[in-house]
């Protein structure tokens, strides 16, 4: 099961067309905070398309638990 952990502010140079949206920051916001930031930045960059999207996580997953990774931290990749 998935749960919402916050909202991320994204920017797309293509408008509503199908192209990849990129995060404006790495920060997570509440929906109201994200919409407030979107309004603020959209006034300064009217030629870009901004949106707030949900960030989801599986219920019960621990963000500090990297056990899903097969490579230990700070280990160079296998060749």
Protein backbone atom coordinates (compact mmCIF):
# COMPACT_ATOMS: atom_id res chain seq x y z
CA UNK A 1 0.00 0.00 0.00
CA UNK A 2 1.23 3.51 -0.78
CA UNK A 3 1.08 6.63 1.37
CA UNK A 4 1.68 10.27 0.49
CA UNK A 5 4.74 11.66 2.24
CA UNK A 6 4.61 15.14 0.74
CA UNK A 7 4.56 17.18 -2.43
CA UNK A 8 7.39 18.18 -4.75
CA UNK A 9 7.52 21.28 -6.98
CA UNK A 10 8.28 20.37 -10.60
CA UNK A 11 8.99 22.43 -13.71
CA UNK A 12 8.33 21.51 -17.33
CA UNK A 13 9.49 23.58 -20.29
CA UNK A 14 6.97 21.79 -22.53
CA UNK A 15 3.84 22.98 -20.75
CA UNK A 16 1.17 20.29 -20.58
CA UNK A 17 2.78 18.26 -23.37
CA UNK A 18 4.34 14.90 -22.66
CA UNK A 19 7.86 15.71 -21.60
CA UNK A 20 9.82 15.05 -18.45
CA UNK A 21 9.21 17.39 -15.52
CA UNK A 22 12.21 18.17 -13.33
CA UNK A 23 12.25 18.96 -9.61
CA UNK A 24 12.81 22.62 -8.74
CA UNK A 25 14.30 21.62 -5.36
CA UNK A 26 14.83 18.40 -3.42
CA UNK A 27 12.53 19.63 -0.64
CA UNK A 28 9.19 18.04 0.22
CA UNK A 29 6.29 20.33 1.11
CA UNK A 30 2.73 20.09 2.31
CA UNK A 31 0.24 20.62 -0.50
CA UNK A 32 -0.47 24.19 0.64
CA UNK A 33 3.25 25.04 0.90
CA UNK A 34 3.91 23.63 -2.56
CA UNK A 35 1.04 25.57 -4.10
CA UNK A 36 2.23 28.79 -2.41
CA UNK A 37 5.75 28.31 -3.79
CA UNK A 38 4.32 27.47 -7.21
CA UNK A 39 2.32 30.72 -7.25
CA UNK A 40 5.35 32.74 -6.15
CA UNK A 41 7.81 31.30 -8.67
CA UNK A 42 5.32 31.19 -11.58
CA UNK A 43 4.96 34.98 -11.34
CA UNK A 44 8.71 35.34 -11.84
CA UNK A 45 9.00 32.71 -14.59
CA UNK A 46 5.74 32.98 -16.58
CA UNK A 47 7.19 31.16 -19.62
CA UNK A 48 7.64 27.91 -17.66
CA UNK A 49 5.02 25.43 -16.48
CA UNK A 50 5.16 24.52 -12.77
CA UNK A 51 3.22 21.80 -10.98
CA UNK A 52 3.00 20.15 -7.57
CA UNK A 53 2.96 16.35 -7.54
CA UNK A 54 2.54 13.84 -4.75
CA UNK A 55 5.52 11.87 -3.49
CA UNK A 56 4.49 8.36 -2.48
CA UNK A 57 6.16 5.67 -0.37
CA UNK A 58 5.20 2.11 0.38
CA UNK A 59 3.57 1.84 3.79
CA UNK A 60 5.89 0.23 6.28
CA UNK A 61 9.09 1.06 4.39
CA UNK A 62 11.81 2.70 6.46
CA UNK A 63 13.55 5.55 4.58
CA UNK A 64 16.76 4.86 6.54
CA UNK A 65 16.70 1.20 5.52
CA UNK A 66 18.72 0.69 2.34
CA UNK A 67 18.56 -3.11 2.51
CA UNK A 68 16.98 -3.16 -0.97
CA UNK A 69 20.34 -2.13 -2.38
CA UNK A 70 22.69 -4.98 -3.19
CA UNK A 71 25.76 -2.72 -3.10
CA UNK A 72 27.05 -1.60 0.30
CA UNK A 73 27.34 2.15 0.83
CA UNK A 74 30.61 3.78 -0.33
CA UNK A 75 31.54 0.75 -2.41
CA UNK A 76 32.54 1.28 -6.04
CA UNK A 77 30.29 -0.42 -8.62
CA UNK A 78 31.13 -3.89 -9.87
CA UNK A 79 32.99 -4.04 -13.18
